[in-house]
Amino acid sequence: MGHVKLFIPGPVEVSEKILQAFRSPVIGHRGQGFKDLYARIQPQLQQLFYTRQPVFLSTSSAWGVMEGAIRNLVSKKVLCCMNGAFSDKWLDVAQRCGKEAEGLKAAWGSPIRAEAIDARLATGQFDTLTLIHNETSTGVMSPIEEIAALKKKYPDIMFIVDAVSSFSGVKLPFDDLGLDVLLTGSQKALALPPGLALFTCSPAAFARASTVSGRGYYFDFLEFKKNAEGNMTPSTPTLGHIFALESKLEDICTEGLDNRYARHRRLAQVTRDWAARHGFTLFPDDGHVSMTLTCVNNGAKPGGRIVDAEKLVSLVKKRGFLINGGYGKIKGTTFRISNMGDETETSMGELFAALDEAMKEL
């Protein structure tokens, strides 16, 4: 059958240009060539993060940095916002790190709301907050601007935000939002191979980390900061990913950030339009749908059409495309279609044509 094109929530399709950059000859990662590469991409990374702070490169999945953020910043107690499989997992991670943690739960399909956070932070029990901006399991995007506005009321509480499946698909101005950690992974909207995490931290985050013991080494934020001053990473970097990242940053700059965000909005809408044409409803609450992937309701909530999701995925795969049949407790009662990364109206149109044909066989 050959290559099956990925329209799953990650990893997503990687262009031939990026794959060729990934194959660049290996260089010494402690030599001047690597320092020059690291320095060369910093201005573009800072533009993408909308920050004046350094942007760090971690040879890990984003979960490494997520756990690292807990180890670096939680001294008293962490409030973990939970509204899906991945945000739910962050509570477990915090507890496994030996931290006192509490979950703030919203129903799957619903966003995290600022007023609910405010009510818990007002108790004075917490010194850290974790939030997944775009919950990949449910296709819900929480209102980051409303939530980040609470930082003015609680300046001493560390706000850690996972933007793994929204970063570079929507605008996330780190400095203006006043966040303390913003992290992402390479395999989602950045459309790079899996295996690289990127993050930035506020000065307040470094100040907090300096007071917290048990940070370890591999994900010690202060080690990242110290090494970045010399255009280095604390440990061996994944060189192929960084060459590929440089190539991707060229693509992003050529397209323009505003154009990139607009493209993701358009493609998310045409995906929702496809679902509506076939009688489906969406799983997320109205007004809180993701701009990088669509979670289609297939019986998880009342209303709308219901099909055999497993069969639909199989029929589409036979036509050369892979979508996702739902995740966690809503597997099968939802299915997910990604529009993140390098997708265009043309490539999404090819997927919809395959989906249309598959629907006729259900």
Protein backbone atom coordinates (compact mmCIF):
# COMPACT_ATOMS: atom_id res chain seq x y z
CA MET A 1 0.00 0.00 0.00
CA GLY A 2 2.96 2.30 0.51
CA HIS A 3 3.03 5.24 2.87
CA VAL A 4 -0.20 5.98 4.75
CA LYS A 5 -0.55 9.73 5.21
CA LEU A 6 -1.07 10.79 8.82
CA PHE A 7 -4.09 12.84 9.86
CA ILE A 8 -3.91 11.65 13.47
CA PRO A 9 -3.36 14.02 16.42
CA GLY A 10 0.37 13.28 16.34
CA PRO A 11 2.76 12.45 15.01
CA VAL A 12 1.69 14.27 11.88
CA GLU A 13 2.98 14.18 8.33
CA VAL A 14 6.59 15.35 7.89
CA SER A 15 7.60 16.95 4.58
CA GLU A 16 10.42 15.66 2.40
CA LYS A 17 12.27 18.94 2.94
CA ILE A 18 12.25 18.40 6.70
CA LEU A 19 13.27 14.76 6.37
CA GLN A 20 16.24 15.78 4.25
CA ALA A 21 17.28 18.33 6.87
CA PHE A 22 16.91 15.63 9.54
CA ARG A 23 19.46 13.58 7.59
CA SER A 24 22.12 16.31 7.73
CA PRO A 25 25.63 15.02 8.51
CA VAL A 26 26.36 14.71 12.21
CA ILE A 27 28.54 17.41 13.74
CA GLY A 28 30.27 17.61 17.11
CA HIS A 29 27.68 18.80 19.58
CA ARG A 30 30.28 20.51 21.73
CA GLY A 31 31.98 22.30 18.87
CA GLN A 32 31.57 25.75 17.35
CA GLY A 33 29.36 24.41 14.57
CA PHE A 34 26.68 23.38 17.04
CA LYS A 35 27.01 26.62 18.99
CA ASP A 36 26.47 28.54 15.76
CA LEU A 37 23.40 26.43 14.91
CA TYR A 38 21.93 26.93 18.38
CA ALA A 39 22.51 30.68 18.24
CA ARG A 40 21.21 30.93 14.68
CA ILE A 41 17.76 29.57 15.51
CA GLN A 42 17.24 31.41 18.80
CA PRO A 43 15.81 34.65 17.32
CA GLN A 44 13.24 32.72 15.29
CA LEU A 45 12.33 30.54 18.27
CA GLN A 46 11.89 33.61 20.44
CA GLN A 47 9.65 35.10 17.76
CA LEU A 48 7.57 31.91 17.67
CA PHE A 49 7.24 31.88 21.48
CA TYR A 50 6.75 35.69 21.57
CA THR A 51 9.38 36.00 24.27
CA ARG A 52 12.61 37.76 25.11
CA GLN A 53 13.64 34.73 27.19
CA PRO A 54 15.86 31.95 25.84
CA VAL A 55 14.10 28.98 24.25
CA PHE A 56 15.48 25.62 25.36
CA LEU A 57 15.82 22.38 23.39
CA SER A 58 15.34 19.09 25.23
CA THR A 59 16.16 15.66 23.80
CA SER A 60 12.95 14.11 25.09
CA SER A 61 9.25 14.04 24.56
CA ALA A 62 7.28 16.92 26.00
CA TRP A 63 6.42 14.72 28.98
CA GLY A 64 10.03 14.97 30.07
CA VAL A 65 9.73 18.74 30.38
CA MET A 66 6.27 18.40 31.94
CA GLU A 67 7.72 16.21 34.69
CA GLY A 68 10.74 18.50 34.87
CA ALA A 69 8.52 21.51 35.45
CA ILE A 70 6.92 19.74 38.41
CA ARG A 71 10.33 18.84 39.87
CA ASN A 72 11.69 22.35 39.35
CA LEU A 73 8.78 24.50 40.51
CA VAL A 74 6.52 22.75 43.02
CA SER A 75 7.52 23.48 46.59
CA LYS A 76 4.18 23.48 48.38
CA LYS A 77 1.29 22.04 46.33
CA VAL A 78 0.30 21.92 42.68
CA LEU A 79 -3.20 22.35 41.23
CA CYS A 80 -3.52 20.17 38.11
CA CYS A 81 -6.29 21.24 35.74
CA MET A 82 -7.94 18.10 34.35
CA ASN A 83 -10.36 17.79 31.41
CA GLY A 84 -9.07 14.87 29.36
CA ALA A 85 -6.70 11.92 29.26
CA PHE A 86 -3.47 13.91 29.08
CA SER A 87 -4.31 16.61 31.60
CA ASP A 88 -5.62 13.89 33.92
CA LYS A 89 -2.24 12.18 33.66
CA TRP A 90 -0.41 15.26 34.92
CA LEU A 91 -1.88 14.74 38.39
CA ASP A 92 -0.48 11.21 38.47
CA VAL A 93 2.90 12.47 37.28
CA ALA A 94 3.01 15.11 40.02
CA GLN A 95 2.20 12.55 42.69
CA ARG A 96 4.81 10.13 41.34
CA CYS A 97 7.34 12.96 41.69
CA GLY A 98 6.50 13.02 45.39
CA LYS A 99 4.67 16.36 45.20
CA GLU A 100 1.47 17.24 46.99
CA ALA A 101 -1.10 17.65 44.23
CA GLU A 102 -4.82 18.18 43.72
CA GLY A 103 -6.93 17.90 40.61
CA LEU A 104 -9.32 20.54 39.34
CA LYS A 105 -11.70 18.49 37.20
CA ALA A 106 -13.90 19.57 34.32
CA ALA A 107 -16.03 17.16 32.31
CA TRP A 108 -14.38 15.65 29.24
CA GLY A 109 -15.46 17.88 26.38
CA SER A 110 -15.52 21.01 28.54
CA PRO A 111 -12.79 23.63 28.94
CA ILE A 112 -10.98 24.65 32.09
CA ARG A 113 -12.52 27.93 33.24
CA ALA A 114 -10.72 30.79 34.97
CA GLU A 115 -13.37 31.16 37.68
CA ALA A 116 -12.89 27.55 38.78
CA ILE A 117 -9.12 28.05 39.00
CA ASP A 118 -9.59 31.31 40.86
CA ALA A 119 -11.74 29.62 43.50
CA ARG A 120 -9.05 27.02 44.23
CA LEU A 121 -6.05 29.37 44.12
CA ALA A 122 -7.83 31.73 46.53
CA THR A 123 -7.45 29.10 49.25
CA GLY A 124 -3.74 29.80 49.40
CA GLN A 125 -2.87 26.11 49.32
CA PHE A 126 -1.04 26.13 45.99
CA ASP A 127 2.21 27.49 44.61
CA THR A 128 1.94 25.97 41.10
CA LEU A 129 -0.71 25.41 38.42
CA THR A 130 -0.59 23.04 35.45
CA LEU A 131 -2.77 23.41 32.36
CA ILE A 132 -2.97 21.68 29.00
CA HIS A 133 -4.05 24.40 26.60
CA ASN A 134 -5.34 22.08 23.87
CA GLU A 135 -6.51 18.73 25.26
CA THR A 136 -5.72 16.34 22.43
CA SER A 137 -7.93 13.50 23.66
CA THR A 138 -11.11 15.60 23.48
CA GLY A 139 -10.34 18.34 20.96
CA VAL A 140 -11.01 21.03 23.56
CA MET A 141 -9.07 24.30 23.64
CA SER A 142 -9.31 26.10 27.00
CA PRO A 143 -9.41 29.93 27.10
CA ILE A 144 -5.75 30.64 27.80
CA GLU A 145 -6.13 34.44 27.89
CA GLU A 146 -8.78 34.29 30.63
CA ILE A 147 -6.75 31.81 32.65
CA ALA A 148 -3.45 33.65 32.23
CA ALA A 149 -5.11 36.88 33.43
CA LEU A 150 -5.25 35.28 36.89
CA LYS A 151 -1.46 35.54 37.07
CA LYS A 152 -1.85 39.22 37.98
CA LYS A 153 -3.92 38.20 40.99
CA TYR A 154 -1.57 35.36 41.95
CA PRO A 155 1.92 36.53 40.91
CA ASP A 156 3.72 34.07 43.18
CA ILE A 157 1.98 31.00 41.73
CA MET A 158 3.84 29.30 38.89
CA PHE A 159 1.69 28.87 35.75
CA ILE A 160 2.90 25.88 33.67
CA VAL A 161 1.23 25.45 30.28
CA ASP A 162 1.47 22.50 27.91
CA ALA A 163 0.91 23.71 24.34
CA VAL A 164 2.01 20.47 22.70
CA SER A 165 -0.86 20.30 20.20
CA SER A 166 -1.56 24.02 19.78
CA PHE A 167 1.89 25.62 19.58
CA SER A 168 2.53 27.24 16.18
CA GLY A 169 -1.08 26.51 15.19
CA VAL A 170 -2.44 29.37 17.28
CA LYS A 171 -0.76 32.46 18.71
CA LEU A 172 0.59 32.00 22.24
CA PRO A 173 2.43 35.18 23.31
CA PHE A 174 4.39 33.91 26.31
CA ASP A 175 5.63 37.23 27.68
CA ASP A 176 2.33 39.07 27.24
CA LEU A 177 0.35 36.24 28.84
CA GLY A 178 2.66 36.30 31.84
CA LEU A 179 3.15 32.55 32.00
CA ASP A 180 6.05 30.87 33.79
CA VAL A 181 6.61 27.82 31.58
CA LEU A 182 5.38 27.17 28.06
CA LEU A 183 6.33 23.83 26.52
CA THR A 184 5.70 21.91 23.34
CA GLY A 185 6.81 18.87 21.37
CA SER A 186 8.15 18.49 17.87
CA GLN A 187 5.66 16.01 16.41
CA LYS A 188 2.42 18.03 16.43
CA ALA A 189 1.79 21.38 14.73
CA LEU A 190 5.52 21.91 14.17
CA ALA A 191 5.38 18.86 11.85
CA LEU A 192 8.77 17.45 12.85
CA PRO A 193 9.68 13.87 13.78
CA PRO A 194 8.96 12.93 17.41
CA GLY A 195 11.75 13.24 19.96
CA LEU A 196 12.39 16.94 20.64
CA ALA A 197 10.76 19.21 23.22
CA LEU A 198 10.99 23.00 23.29
CA PHE A 199 10.22 25.28 26.22
CA THR A 200 10.78 28.68 27.72
CA CYS A 201 10.65 29.95 31.31
CA SER A 202 10.04 33.25 33.07
CA PRO A 203 12.68 34.84 35.34
CA ALA A 204 10.34 34.02 38.24
CA ALA A 205 10.48 30.34 37.28
CA PHE A 206 14.27 30.33 37.50
CA ALA A 207 14.07 32.11 40.85
CA ARG A 208 11.66 29.48 42.16
CA ALA A 209 13.77 26.61 40.81
CA SER A 210 16.79 27.92 42.68
CA THR A 211 14.92 27.33 45.96
CA VAL A 212 13.62 23.82 45.15
CA SER A 213 15.67 20.72 45.93
CA GLY A 214 15.39 17.43 44.07
CA ARG A 215 15.36 18.95 40.60
CA GLY A 216 17.61 16.19 39.29
CA TYR A 217 19.99 16.95 36.44
CA TYR A 218 18.56 16.03 33.04
CA PHE A 219 15.60 18.42 33.32
CA ASP A 220 17.09 20.96 35.74
CA PHE A 221 15.93 24.34 34.43
CA LEU A 222 18.98 26.06 35.90
CA GLU A 223 21.25 23.71 33.94
CA PHE A 224 19.37 24.56 30.75
CA LYS A 225 19.76 28.27 31.49
CA LYS A 226 23.48 28.02 32.29
CA ASN A 227 24.24 26.03 29.14
CA ALA A 228 22.11 28.27 26.93
CA GLU A 229 24.33 31.21 27.85
CA GLY A 230 27.04 29.43 25.85
CA ASN A 231 24.65 28.25 23.10
CA MET A 232 24.74 24.71 24.40
CA THR A 233 22.43 22.06 25.86
CA PRO A 234 23.05 20.36 29.22
CA SER A 235 23.22 16.89 27.67
CA THR A 236 23.71 15.38 24.22
CA PRO A 237 21.26 17.05 21.81
CA THR A 238 19.34 15.26 19.09
CA LEU A 239 21.14 16.88 16.18
CA GLY A 240 18.86 15.67 13.42
CA HIS A 241 15.86 17.26 15.08
CA ILE A 242 17.64 20.58 15.46
CA PHE A 243 18.68 20.66 11.81
CA ALA A 244 15.07 19.82 10.94
CA LEU A 245 13.85 22.53 13.31
CA GLU A 246 16.03 25.10 11.54
CA SER A 247 14.47 24.06 8.23
CA LYS A 248 10.95 24.26 9.71
CA LEU A 249 11.61 27.74 11.10
CA GLU A 250 12.55 28.83 7.59
CA ASP A 251 9.19 27.51 6.36
CA ILE A 252 7.29 29.25 9.13
CA CYS A 253 9.01 32.57 8.50
CA THR A 254 8.31 32.27 4.77
CA GLU A 255 4.62 31.61 5.38
CA GLY A 256 4.31 34.23 8.12
CA LEU A 257 2.92 33.58 11.58
CA ASP A 258 -0.43 35.27 11.01
CA ASN A 259 -0.91 33.33 7.78
CA ARG A 260 -0.02 30.11 9.58
CA TYR A 261 -2.59 30.70 12.29
CA ALA A 262 -5.23 31.65 9.72
CA ARG A 263 -4.53 28.47 7.73
CA HIS A 264 -5.06 26.33 10.82
CA ARG A 265 -8.34 28.14 11.56
CA ARG A 266 -9.59 27.60 8.00
CA LEU A 267 -8.69 23.93 7.95
CA ALA A 268 -10.28 23.33 11.34
CA GLN A 269 -13.47 24.89 10.04
CA VAL A 270 -13.57 22.85 6.85
CA THR A 271 -13.09 19.71 8.96
CA ARG A 272 -16.01 20.70 11.16
CA ASP A 273 -18.02 21.44 8.01
CA TRP A 274 -17.28 17.93 6.70
CA ALA A 275 -18.54 16.43 9.96
CA ALA A 276 -21.74 18.49 9.84
CA ARG A 277 -22.44 17.49 6.23
CA HIS A 278 -22.44 13.86 7.31
CA GLY A 279 -24.74 14.46 10.25
CA PHE A 280 -22.17 14.36 13.03
CA THR A 281 -21.96 16.68 15.99
CA LEU A 282 -18.73 17.65 17.78
CA PHE A 283 -17.58 16.36 21.14
CA PRO A 284 -16.27 19.66 22.62
CA ASP A 285 -18.58 22.24 24.11
CA ASP A 286 -19.61 24.99 21.68
CA GLY A 287 -17.03 27.77 21.48
CA HIS A 288 -14.14 25.68 22.77
CA VAL A 289 -13.15 23.58 19.78
CA SER A 290 -9.51 23.05 18.91
CA MET A 291 -7.95 24.81 15.93
CA THR A 292 -5.55 21.96 15.22
CA LEU A 293 -7.70 18.84 15.44
CA THR A 294 -11.38 17.97 15.40
CA CYS A 295 -12.92 15.49 17.84
CA VAL A 296 -16.12 14.23 16.24
CA ASN A 297 -18.92 13.01 18.51
CA ASN A 298 -19.88 9.42 17.67
CA GLY A 299 -22.12 8.56 20.59
CA ALA A 300 -20.10 9.93 23.51
CA LYS A 301 -22.74 12.65 23.83
CA PRO A 302 -26.41 12.60 22.79
CA GLY A 303 -27.23 13.75 19.28
CA GLY A 304 -25.72 13.35 15.86
CA ARG A 305 -24.84 10.39 13.71
CA ILE A 306 -23.15 7.25 15.03
CA VAL A 307 -21.00 4.95 12.89
CA ASP A 308 -18.57 2.09 13.45
CA ALA A 309 -15.47 4.18 14.16
CA GLU A 310 -13.09 1.25 13.94
CA LYS A 311 -14.43 0.31 10.52
CA LEU A 312 -14.28 3.93 9.34
CA VAL A 313 -10.61 4.16 10.33
CA SER A 314 -9.91 0.89 8.52
CA LEU A 315 -11.73 1.95 5.33
CA VAL A 316 -9.92 5.28 5.22
CA LYS A 317 -6.57 3.59 5.85
CA LYS A 318 -7.13 1.33 2.84
CA ARG A 319 -7.35 4.53 0.80
CA GLY A 320 -3.98 5.74 2.10
CA PHE A 321 -4.98 7.99 5.00
CA LEU A 322 -4.92 7.48 8.77
CA ILE A 323 -7.35 9.15 11.17
CA ASN A 324 -7.81 8.28 14.84
CA GLY A 325 -10.69 6.30 16.34
CA GLY A 326 -10.83 8.13 19.67
CA TYR A 327 -8.74 7.98 22.83
CA GLY A 328 -9.12 6.68 26.36
CA LYS A 329 -12.64 6.34 27.73
CA ILE A 330 -14.15 7.91 24.57
CA LYS A 331 -12.40 5.55 22.15
CA GLY A 332 -14.93 4.49 19.53
CA THR A 333 -17.55 6.96 20.72
CA THR A 334 -15.52 9.74 19.11
CA PHE A 335 -13.00 9.94 16.30
CA ARG A 336 -10.35 12.56 15.64
CA ILE A 337 -9.05 14.25 12.51
CA SER A 338 -5.92 16.42 12.59
CA ASN A 339 -5.39 19.50 10.46
CA MET A 340 -2.14 20.59 12.10
CA GLY A 341 1.29 21.09 10.64
CA ASP A 342 1.75 21.53 6.90
CA GLU A 343 -1.76 20.62 5.75
CA THR A 344 -3.51 22.69 3.10
CA GLU A 345 -6.97 22.92 1.56
CA THR A 346 -5.73 20.54 -1.13
CA SER A 347 -4.37 17.88 1.22
CA MET A 348 -7.42 18.06 3.48
CA GLY A 349 -9.63 17.82 0.39
CA GLU A 350 -7.92 14.56 -0.54
CA LEU A 351 -8.66 13.20 2.93
CA PHE A 352 -12.31 14.28 2.78
CA ALA A 353 -12.72 12.58 -0.59
CA ALA A 354 -11.45 9.34 0.97
CA LEU A 355 -13.70 9.83 3.97
CA ASP A 356 -16.71 10.42 1.72
CA GLU A 357 -16.05 7.18 -0.11
CA ALA A 358 -15.56 5.31 3.16
CA MET A 359 -18.82 6.65 4.55
CA LYS A 360 -20.70 5.04 1.68
CA GLU A 361 -19.51 1.63 2.86
CA LEU A 362 -20.66 1.99 6.46
